[in-house]
Protein backbone atom coordinates (compact mmCIF):
# COMPACT_ATOMS: atom_id res chain seq x y z
CA UNK A 1 -21.14 39.99 -14.61
CA UNK A 2 -19.47 43.37 -13.82
CA UNK A 3 -17.25 44.08 -10.83
CA UNK A 4 -17.60 45.43 -7.35
CA UNK A 5 -15.48 48.56 -7.41
CA UNK A 6 -19.43 50.23 -6.98
CA UNK A 7 -20.54 47.88 -4.70
CA UNK A 8 -18.31 48.46 -1.83
CA UNK A 9 -17.24 51.51 0.58
CA UNK A 10 -13.68 51.84 1.36
CA UNK A 11 -12.18 54.35 4.12
CA UNK A 12 -15.15 56.69 3.66
CA UNK A 13 -16.17 56.23 -0.05
CA UNK A 14 -19.61 56.93 -0.93
CA UNK A 15 -22.83 55.12 -0.67
CA UNK A 16 -21.91 51.80 -2.65
CA UNK A 17 -24.62 50.00 -5.01
CA UNK A 18 -25.77 46.47 -3.85
CA UNK A 19 -24.14 43.53 -5.10
CA UNK A 20 -26.76 40.78 -6.29
CA UNK A 21 -24.30 38.27 -4.68
CA UNK A 22 -21.35 38.47 -2.22
CA UNK A 23 -18.92 35.51 -2.08
CA UNK A 24 -16.80 34.52 0.88
CA UNK A 25 -13.79 32.62 -0.58
CA UNK A 26 -12.47 31.50 -3.41
CA UNK A 27 -11.58 27.68 -3.37
CA UNK A 28 -12.49 25.54 -6.62
CA UNK A 29 -16.55 25.65 -5.83
CA UNK A 30 -16.44 29.17 -5.15
CA UNK A 31 -14.57 30.02 -7.99
CA UNK A 32 -17.03 27.67 -10.61
CA UNK A 33 -19.70 29.74 -9.34
CA UNK A 34 -18.01 32.91 -10.51
CA UNK A 35 -16.63 31.15 -13.63
CA UNK A 36 -20.43 30.38 -14.46
CA UNK A 37 -21.64 33.87 -13.08
CA UNK A 38 -19.41 35.25 -15.28
CA UNK A 39 -22.12 33.74 -17.93
CA UNK A 40 -25.01 35.42 -16.41
CA UNK A 41 -25.86 39.12 -18.11
CA UNK A 42 -26.09 41.57 -15.87
CA UNK A 43 -25.12 39.49 -12.50
CA UNK A 44 -23.38 41.80 -9.93
CA UNK A 45 -21.29 39.65 -7.91
CA UNK A 46 -18.12 39.86 -6.09
CA UNK A 47 -16.02 36.99 -4.01
CA UNK A 48 -13.39 37.83 -1.44
CA UNK A 49 -10.42 36.13 -0.35
CA UNK A 50 -7.71 36.59 2.07
CA UNK A 51 -5.41 34.13 0.50
CA UNK A 52 -2.98 36.52 -1.87
CA UNK A 53 -3.86 34.12 -4.64
CA UNK A 54 -5.55 30.79 -5.73
CA UNK A 55 -3.94 27.53 -4.43
CA UNK A 56 -5.44 24.10 -4.34
CA UNK A 57 -3.61 21.98 -1.60
CA UNK A 58 -0.25 23.21 -2.52
CA UNK A 59 0.79 20.74 -0.13
CA UNK A 60 -0.15 17.57 -1.98
CA UNK A 61 0.32 18.57 -5.52
CA UNK A 62 2.90 15.37 -5.68
CA UNK A 63 4.62 14.84 -9.26
CA UNK A 64 2.28 12.42 -10.65
CA UNK A 65 -0.77 12.23 -8.32
CA UNK A 66 -3.79 12.53 -10.19
CA UNK A 67 -7.46 13.71 -9.11
CA UNK A 68 -10.09 10.84 -8.64
CA UNK A 69 -12.48 12.70 -10.87
CA UNK A 70 -12.12 13.21 -14.77
CA UNK A 71 -10.96 16.09 -16.61
CA UNK A 72 -14.60 16.52 -17.34
CA UNK A 73 -15.28 17.01 -13.60
CA UNK A 74 -13.70 21.23 -14.13
CA UNK A 75 -15.44 24.26 -12.91
CA UNK A 76 -17.98 24.69 -15.68
CA UNK A 77 -18.19 21.97 -18.16
CA UNK A 78 -20.96 19.57 -16.30
CA UNK A 79 -23.54 22.57 -16.24
CA UNK A 80 -21.95 24.64 -18.98
CA UNK A 81 -19.58 22.66 -22.00
CA UNK A 82 -19.24 25.81 -24.18
CA UNK A 83 -17.88 28.08 -21.34
CA UNK A 84 -14.77 30.05 -21.86
CA UNK A 85 -13.30 28.78 -18.66
CA UNK A 86 -13.46 25.06 -19.19
CA UNK A 87 -10.42 23.14 -18.85
CA UNK A 88 -10.00 22.21 -22.64
CA UNK A 89 -10.52 25.80 -23.04
CA UNK A 90 -7.62 26.33 -21.04
CA UNK A 91 -5.30 23.99 -22.91
CA UNK A 92 -6.45 25.63 -26.23
CA UNK A 93 -4.72 28.99 -24.10
CA UNK A 94 -1.38 27.07 -23.44
CA UNK A 95 -1.39 25.43 -26.67
CA UNK A 96 -1.37 21.93 -25.16
CA UNK A 97 -4.70 20.50 -26.71
CA UNK A 98 -3.42 18.54 -29.62
CA UNK A 99 -0.78 16.93 -26.63
CA UNK A 100 -3.33 16.30 -24.38
CA UNK A 101 -5.15 14.49 -27.37
CA UNK A 102 -2.50 12.58 -27.65
CA UNK A 103 -1.93 11.95 -23.91
CA UNK A 104 -5.58 10.12 -24.00
CA UNK A 105 -5.43 11.38 -19.97
CA UNK A 106 -9.41 11.21 -18.34
CA UNK A 107 -7.70 11.72 -14.87
CA UNK A 108 -5.29 14.83 -15.01
CA UNK A 109 -2.67 15.47 -12.24
CA UNK A 110 -3.48 17.66 -9.67
CA UNK A 111 -0.95 20.12 -10.32
CA UNK A 112 -2.44 20.71 -13.64
CA UNK A 113 -6.00 21.00 -12.17
CA UNK A 114 -4.26 23.58 -9.73
CA UNK A 115 -2.47 25.41 -12.49
CA UNK A 116 -6.14 25.73 -14.43
CA UNK A 117 -8.20 26.89 -11.43
CA UNK A 118 -5.35 29.85 -10.89
CA UNK A 119 -5.55 30.56 -14.82
CA UNK A 120 -9.63 30.82 -14.39
CA UNK A 121 -8.85 32.86 -10.98
CA UNK A 122 -6.13 35.24 -12.72
CA UNK A 123 -8.80 35.86 -15.88
CA UNK A 124 -12.52 35.67 -14.34
CA UNK A 125 -13.82 39.20 -13.10
CA UNK A 126 -14.94 39.85 -9.99
CA UNK A 127 -12.77 37.82 -7.83
CA UNK A 128 -10.66 40.02 -5.00
CA UNK A 129 -7.82 38.33 -3.17
CA UNK A 130 -6.35 40.05 -0.39
CA UNK A 131 -9.71 40.87 1.59
CA UNK A 132 -10.42 39.38 4.55
CA UNK A 133 -14.39 39.08 5.40
CA UNK A 134 -14.59 39.97 9.01
CA UNK A 135 -18.26 39.76 9.35
CA UNK A 136 -21.43 39.91 7.80
CA UNK A 137 -25.42 41.15 8.97
CA UNK A 138 -28.28 41.51 7.97
CA UNK A 139 -29.82 45.12 7.26
CA UNK A 140 -33.68 44.63 7.71
CA UNK A 141 -34.22 48.22 6.94
CA UNK A 142 -32.64 48.31 3.54
CA UNK A 143 -32.72 44.30 2.91
CA UNK A 144 -29.58 43.69 2.19
CA UNK A 145 -26.40 42.20 4.33
CA UNK A 146 -23.46 44.18 5.09
CA UNK A 147 -20.34 42.30 4.43
CA UNK A 148 -17.23 43.62 6.17
CA UNK A 149 -13.75 43.07 5.32
CA UNK A 150 -10.15 44.43 5.56
CA UNK A 151 -8.38 44.61 2.44
CA UNK A 152 -5.06 43.15 3.20
CA UNK A 153 -1.36 44.21 2.19
CA UNK A 154 1.54 42.29 0.44
CA UNK A 155 2.62 41.18 4.03
CA UNK A 156 -0.82 39.67 5.20
CA UNK A 157 -1.19 42.75 7.11
CA UNK A 158 -4.33 45.15 6.93
CA UNK A 159 -4.20 47.79 4.66
CA UNK A 160 -8.10 49.15 4.66
CA UNK A 161 -11.43 48.35 5.35
CA UNK A 162 -14.03 48.25 3.39
CA UNK A 163 -18.11 47.42 2.81
CA UNK A 164 -20.40 45.83 0.49
CA UNK A 165 -23.44 45.36 0.75
CA UNK A 166 -25.21 42.33 -0.91
CA UNK A 167 -28.73 40.85 -1.61
CA UNK A 168 -27.86 37.36 -1.25
CA UNK A 169 -24.43 35.51 0.62
CA UNK A 170 -22.53 32.43 -1.25
CA UNK A 171 -19.92 30.94 1.91
CA UNK A 172 -17.42 28.93 -0.01
CA UNK A 173 -14.81 29.32 2.63
CA UNK A 174 -14.10 25.29 2.55
CA UNK A 175 -11.96 22.65 4.91
CA UNK A 176 -9.46 22.81 7.42
CA UNK A 177 -6.83 19.96 7.92
CA UNK A 178 -8.43 17.20 10.69
CA UNK A 179 -5.84 17.21 13.87
CA UNK A 180 -6.77 14.59 16.14
CA UNK A 181 -7.01 16.21 19.45
CA UNK A 182 -4.53 14.57 21.27
CA UNK A 183 -2.28 15.61 18.45
CA UNK A 184 -2.33 19.26 18.52
CA UNK A 185 -0.25 20.35 20.75
CA UNK A 186 2.52 18.67 18.67
CA UNK A 187 1.03 19.69 15.07
CA UNK A 188 1.25 23.46 16.36
CA UNK A 189 4.76 23.23 18.34
CA UNK A 190 7.13 24.11 15.25
CA UNK A 191 10.14 22.38 17.06
CA UNK A 192 8.30 18.94 17.03
CA UNK A 193 8.55 16.74 13.34
CA UNK A 194 4.61 16.42 13.78
CA UNK A 195 2.96 17.21 10.22
CA UNK A 196 -0.43 16.93 8.61
CA UNK A 197 -0.56 16.05 5.38
CA UNK A 198 -1.47 19.43 3.76
CA UNK A 199 1.74 20.21 4.38
CA UNK A 200 3.40 17.30 3.33
CA UNK A 201 5.83 18.94 0.20
CA UNK A 202 6.86 21.86 2.43
CA UNK A 203 8.48 19.35 4.57
CA UNK A 204 9.24 16.49 1.80
CA UNK A 205 13.26 16.69 2.32
CA UNK A 206 13.16 16.73 6.10
CA UNK A 207 11.13 13.60 6.12
CA UNK A 208 12.92 11.97 3.44
CA UNK A 209 16.03 12.86 5.50
CA UNK A 210 14.27 11.29 8.66
CA UNK A 211 15.58 7.85 9.67
CA UNK A 212 12.23 6.63 10.43
CA UNK A 213 9.22 8.25 9.68
CA UNK A 214 5.34 6.96 10.37
CA UNK A 215 2.52 7.89 8.34
CA UNK A 216 -0.73 8.27 9.95
CA UNK A 217 -4.17 7.54 7.85
CA UNK A 218 -5.25 5.42 5.41
CA UNK A 219 -7.05 7.56 2.55
CA UNK A 220 -6.04 8.55 -0.75
CA UNK A 221 -3.26 11.27 1.02
CA UNK A 222 -1.69 8.56 3.48
CA UNK A 223 -1.68 6.71 0.19
CA UNK A 224 0.06 9.19 -1.84
CA UNK A 225 2.43 10.03 0.99
CA UNK A 226 3.57 6.93 1.87
CA UNK A 227 3.89 5.80 -1.72
CA UNK A 228 6.42 8.99 -2.55
CA UNK A 229 8.46 8.24 0.79
CA UNK A 230 9.05 4.60 -0.22
CA UNK A 231 9.97 5.81 -3.63
CA UNK A 232 13.03 8.15 -2.28
CA UNK A 233 13.78 6.11 0.29
CA UNK A 234 17.41 3.21 -0.49
CA UNK A 235 16.05 0.17 -0.96
CA UNK A 236 16.14 -2.14 2.40
CA UNK A 237 16.25 1.23 4.76
CA UNK A 238 12.90 2.26 3.89
CA UNK A 239 12.33 3.43 7.84
CA UNK A 240 8.69 3.78 7.33
CA UNK A 241 5.41 2.36 8.98
CA UNK A 242 1.77 3.24 7.48
CA UNK A 243 -1.05 2.90 10.22
CA UNK A 244 -4.56 3.46 10.37
CA UNK A 245 -7.80 2.93 12.51
CA UNK A 246 -9.31 1.43 9.94
CA UNK A 247 -9.74 -2.48 9.28
CA UNK A 248 -7.71 -2.37 6.23
CA UNK A 249 -6.13 -0.57 3.34
CA UNK A 250 -9.52 -0.42 1.14
CA UNK A 251 -10.24 0.11 -2.23
CA UNK A 252 -12.38 3.18 -3.08
CA UNK A 253 -15.81 2.36 -4.34
CA UNK A 254 -15.20 3.38 -8.01
CA UNK A 255 -17.77 0.99 -9.77
CA UNK A 256 -19.82 2.89 -12.63
CA UNK A 257 -22.81 2.22 -10.93
CA UNK A 258 -21.38 3.24 -7.27
CA UNK A 259 -20.39 6.49 -8.63
CA UNK A 260 -23.90 7.35 -9.08
CA UNK A 261 -23.82 8.45 -5.53
CA UNK A 262 -22.18 11.68 -6.65
CA UNK A 263 -25.17 12.31 -9.20
CA UNK A 264 -27.87 15.02 -8.69
CA UNK A 265 -30.36 12.30 -8.20
CA UNK A 266 -28.76 10.80 -5.34
CA UNK A 267 -28.24 14.18 -3.75
CA UNK A 268 -32.08 14.84 -4.09
CA UNK A 269 -32.90 11.59 -2.65
CA UNK A 270 -30.47 12.10 -0.07
CA UNK A 271 -31.93 15.50 0.87
CA UNK A 272 -35.32 13.89 0.88
CA UNK A 273 -34.74 11.48 3.33
CA UNK A 274 -35.28 12.29 7.41
CA UNK A 275 -32.20 13.32 9.96
CA UNK A 276 -32.24 10.30 11.34
CA UNK A 277 -31.98 8.42 8.24
CA UNK A 278 -29.15 10.71 6.88
CA UNK A 279 -26.95 10.30 10.12
CA UNK A 280 -27.20 6.62 9.61
CA UNK A 281 -26.46 6.47 6.42
CA UNK A 282 -22.85 8.66 6.24
CA UNK A 283 -21.01 6.85 8.52
CA UNK A 284 -21.69 3.60 6.11
CA UNK A 285 -20.59 5.02 3.08
CA UNK A 286 -16.78 5.67 3.96
CA UNK A 287 -15.82 3.67 0.94
CA UNK A 288 -16.70 6.38 -1.36
CA UNK A 289 -14.81 9.24 -0.58
CA UNK A 290 -12.01 7.96 2.02
CA UNK A 291 -10.85 5.24 0.70
CA UNK A 292 -7.82 4.77 -1.87
CA UNK A 293 -8.09 4.65 -5.92
CA UNK A 294 -6.89 1.12 -6.80
CA UNK A 295 -4.10 2.37 -9.34
CA UNK A 296 -2.43 3.80 -5.67
CA UNK A 297 -2.42 0.57 -3.58
CA UNK A 298 -1.32 -1.25 -7.01
CA UNK A 299 1.65 0.72 -7.10
CA UNK A 300 2.03 0.69 -3.18
CA UNK A 301 2.36 -3.14 -3.78
CA UNK A 302 4.36 -2.84 -6.60
CA UNK A 303 7.28 -0.23 -5.40
CA UNK A 304 7.54 -3.03 -2.50
CA UNK A 305 7.41 -6.12 -4.28
CA UNK A 306 10.22 -4.44 -6.30
CA UNK A 307 12.11 -3.91 -3.67
CA UNK A 308 11.60 -7.48 -2.25
CA UNK A 309 13.41 -8.86 -5.52
CA UNK A 310 15.86 -6.24 -5.06
CA UNK A 311 16.31 -7.75 -1.61
CA UNK A 312 16.42 -11.21 -3.07
CA UNK A 313 14.71 -12.87 -0.69
CA UNK A 314 14.66 -10.07 2.05
CA UNK A 315 11.70 -7.77 3.15
CA UNK A 316 11.68 -3.95 2.84
CA UNK A 317 11.97 -2.13 6.25
CA UNK A 318 8.48 -0.65 5.64
CA UNK A 319 5.34 -1.94 8.16
CA UNK A 320 1.67 -1.70 7.21
CA UNK A 321 -0.67 -2.52 9.83
CA UNK A 322 -4.28 -1.75 9.91
CA UNK A 323 -6.74 -1.65 12.79
CA UNK A 324 -4.51 0.81 15.03
CA UNK A 325 -5.20 3.76 16.50
CA UNK A 326 -2.61 6.04 17.51
CA UNK A 327 -3.56 7.46 21.14
CA UNK A 328 -0.49 9.78 21.63
CA UNK A 329 2.62 11.03 20.77
CA UNK A 330 5.13 11.55 23.18
CA UNK A 331 8.22 13.77 22.67
CA UNK A 332 10.82 14.52 21.77
CA UNK A 333 12.77 13.01 23.98
CA UNK A 334 16.25 12.11 22.85
CA UNK A 335 15.54 13.52 19.00
CA UNK A 336 12.65 10.95 18.55
CA UNK A 337 9.31 10.27 19.43
CA UNK A 338 7.30 7.76 20.70
CA UNK A 339 3.22 6.79 19.43
CA UNK A 340 1.31 5.27 21.74
CA UNK A 341 -0.81 2.65 19.68
CA UNK A 342 -3.97 0.81 20.49
CA UNK A 343 -5.25 -2.27 18.31
CA UNK A 344 -8.58 -2.35 18.52
CA UNK A 345 -8.95 -6.14 17.07
CA UNK A 346 -6.69 -7.43 19.74
CA UNK A 347 -7.20 -5.71 22.50
CA UNK A 348 -3.44 -4.63 22.75
CA UNK A 349 -0.87 -1.50 23.14
CA UNK A 350 2.19 -0.76 21.98
CA UNK A 351 4.88 1.84 21.47
CA UNK A 352 6.67 2.83 18.12
CA UNK A 353 9.80 5.03 18.38
CA UNK A 354 9.97 6.98 14.81
CA UNK A 355 11.42 10.65 14.07
CA UNK A 356 8.87 11.96 12.22
CA UNK A 357 4.89 12.08 11.55
CA UNK A 358 3.14 12.82 8.88
CA UNK A 359 -0.98 12.68 9.90
CA UNK A 360 -3.12 12.00 7.03
CA UNK A 361 -6.18 12.37 8.77
CA UNK A 362 -8.64 13.78 6.42
CA UNK A 363 -10.09 17.73 6.84
CA UNK A 364 -13.16 19.20 8.49
CA UNK A 365 -15.65 21.50 7.37
CA UNK A 366 -14.37 25.18 8.28
CA UNK A 367 -16.95 26.91 11.20
CA UNK A 368 -18.96 29.59 10.09
CA UNK A 369 -20.22 30.63 13.15
CA UNK A 370 -17.75 33.72 13.99
CA UNK A 371 -18.40 35.14 10.79
CA UNK A 372 -22.16 34.27 10.68
CA UNK A 373 -22.65 35.50 14.59
CA UNK A 374 -25.07 38.36 13.70
CA UNK A 375 -26.81 35.77 11.87
CA UNK A 376 -27.04 33.12 14.83
CA UNK A 377 -30.44 34.16 16.13
CA UNK A 378 -32.20 33.66 12.50
CA UNK A 379 -30.09 30.48 11.41
CA UNK A 380 -32.66 26.91 11.92
CA UNK A 381 -30.48 24.45 13.15
CA UNK A 382 -31.39 20.26 13.36
CA UNK A 383 -31.18 18.34 16.20
CA UNK A 384 -27.29 18.05 16.16
CA UNK A 385 -27.51 21.59 16.27
CA UNK A 386 -25.74 22.26 12.64
CA UNK A 387 -27.40 24.75 10.08
CA UNK A 388 -30.48 23.27 7.51
CA UNK A 389 -29.93 23.76 4.25
CA UNK A 390 -32.65 23.27 1.83
CA UNK A 391 -32.53 21.73 -1.45
CA UNK A 392 -31.67 24.66 -3.31
CA UNK A 393 -28.08 24.63 -1.08
CA UNK A 394 -29.66 27.63 0.87
CA UNK A 395 -29.18 27.84 5.02
CA UNK A 396 -33.07 27.68 6.15
CA UNK A 397 -33.64 31.59 7.77
CA UNK A 398 -36.05 32.75 10.01
CA UNK A 399 -38.59 34.04 7.22
CA UNK A 400 -37.76 38.04 8.37
CA UNK A 401 -33.93 37.63 6.73
CA UNK A 402 -35.25 37.99 2.94
CA UNK A 403 -31.74 38.08 1.42
CA UNK A 404 -30.51 34.06 0.78
CA UNK A 405 -27.38 32.65 2.30
CA UNK A 406 -26.11 29.76 0.25
CA UNK A 407 -23.43 27.44 0.92
CA UNK A 408 -20.74 25.01 -0.71
CA UNK A 409 -18.95 22.20 0.46
CA UNK A 410 -20.70 22.65 4.09
CA UNK A 411 -23.66 20.20 3.78
CA UNK A 412 -23.00 16.79 4.03
CA UNK A 413 -25.19 16.64 6.64
CA UNK A 414 -27.91 17.64 4.76
CA UNK A 415 -27.21 16.60 0.82
CA UNK A 416 -24.83 13.46 1.46
CA UNK A 417 -21.35 12.45 0.22
CA UNK A 418 -21.00 14.07 -3.33
CA UNK A 419 -21.24 17.81 -1.27
CA UNK A 420 -17.39 17.58 -1.13
CA UNK A 421 -16.59 16.42 -4.50
CA UNK A 422 -15.90 18.10 -7.85
CA UNK A 423 -17.41 16.38 -10.36
CA UNK A 424 -20.96 18.24 -8.42
CA UNK A 425 -19.42 21.51 -8.34
CA UNK A 426 -20.89 23.20 -11.85
CA UNK A 427 -24.28 21.18 -10.87
CA UNK A 428 -24.41 23.53 -7.65
CA UNK A 429 -23.22 26.51 -9.15
CA UNK A 430 -26.15 26.57 -11.62
CA UNK A 431 -28.57 25.56 -8.89
CA UNK A 432 -27.67 28.41 -6.87
CA UNK A 433 -27.71 30.67 -9.80
CA UNK A 434 -31.00 29.67 -11.18
CA UNK A 435 -32.13 30.18 -8.02
CA UNK A 436 -29.93 33.56 -7.37
CA UNK A 437 -32.05 35.10 -10.98
CA UNK A 438 -35.08 33.33 -10.63
CA UNK A 439 -34.77 31.69 -14.02
CA UNK A 440 -32.99 29.24 -15.98
CA UNK A 441 -29.84 30.47 -16.85
CA UNK A 442 -28.65 27.06 -16.83
CA UNK A 443 -31.00 24.40 -18.07
CA UNK A 444 -30.27 21.37 -15.24
CA UNK A 445 -30.96 17.69 -16.65
CA UNK A 446 -34.02 15.59 -15.17
CA UNK A 447 -32.27 12.34 -14.77
CA UNK A 448 -28.68 11.74 -14.57
CA UNK A 449 -28.35 8.21 -12.95
CA UNK A 450 -29.92 4.63 -14.16
CA UNK A 451 -29.58 3.85 -10.74
CA UNK A 452 -33.43 5.17 -9.59
CA UNK A 453 -33.22 5.65 -5.68
CA UNK A 454 -36.04 5.35 -3.44
CA UNK A 455 -39.39 4.58 -4.68
CA UNK A 456 -40.58 7.92 -5.32
CA UNK A 457 -39.16 11.08 -6.65
CA UNK A 458 -36.58 9.19 -8.71
CA UNK A 459 -36.67 10.23 -12.21
CA UNK A 460 -38.18 14.26 -10.87
CA UNK A 461 -35.77 17.33 -11.94
CA UNK A 462 -34.62 19.38 -9.31
CA UNK A 463 -36.91 20.72 -6.46
CA UNK A 464 -37.76 24.23 -6.28
CA UNK A 465 -37.74 23.64 -2.28
CA UNK A 466 -37.24 26.65 -0.18
CA UNK A 467 -37.88 30.41 -0.78
CA UNK A 468 -37.01 32.29 -3.89
CA UNK A 469 -33.34 34.11 -4.06
CA UNK A 470 -34.26 36.22 -7.25
CA UNK A 471 -32.45 39.25 -7.64
CA UNK A 472 -34.39 39.94 -11.23
CA UNK A 473 -30.99 40.81 -13.48
């Protein structure tokens, strides 16, 4: 995969040679595409990221916290086990292959996954950090996308303007912390100790020192934050509340057959359902991705029980309450915060006084409307106003646009719960690369699950829905 130097125009440089694909954002999914694309001879690709370097959820790289997918769900292995960008190759480069072998770890620590991705991002060609994409347009005369970007300096300020031309685009702009509307003013106020869990490590010392901390949200992040705080606070003086709207602190569905919802077979099945059926399915599948792994729940209980033993008949000062909605945060008043709590089943309300709040309230897809402003007239949308995405992860556009715009982790409404799952990253990248080149760069499995979803097409291979995005490399 050749670089972008000939394909961009900066400060009045000459006419560029067009890219086959320009990527917006460099998170794990576009990094996967870049790594697999590096194995496609002749592919001209460039990926732009406004951050100065790769980091993956730095605020949640808590010591000992592991991925919820096996290490085989790296950037490339499930599409190309022989790739030079595999996690095992990374271990060999770090001379850690034998220690990993003896460690017998199927689920690696998040910090190690972050280090692996940074290794790939520092070595795979065609990645441009410190480049903020400002707008994209379709040039019908040339049959190309125009990509306007700003090159940023070390302080994050504009240093130069540039433009690339590409036959196709792939959007991997990721997700952003999701904060309930009523709590946004507090999160945005630096003087108020209300933080999203994405910023947890940056504020951990402050939170450990606080007299009382409330954690809101019962997903994996909420459980890990609560457990980390619990382990760092004195026995008998824990001063912790853990609240969730859910009916309980539920375990993740992690049975082997349950995990087959994260296979290409299920993705194809889900995509083939009607919009109405898909809308009904997604809320019912929350335990596949919004709950807590059993080991973390067990660790929380073990830590609480250990403290109860140490208190010899007493109970740790930690309250875990499900079924509670946090309506508002008042304060700071007298240096403390007041949380309005509403219990759905009891139909009662109360106030909780606390010193700091961590909102483990998840993430939402970043809207691409601003970035795609000039393409809005060409986008086809569903009944809810969301972009339609075909089976090959391509936005459905007016036929006048002959180039393709692919999306990564922005298609849960069309492809199901596996959209944000790291285990499907390499497969989706392979589908996109095959669609881009019009040939089978990476052979795709015809069947990936023992479960046959639906009464038809359950064992068929990946479809060839939508228009060709062939680039002829």
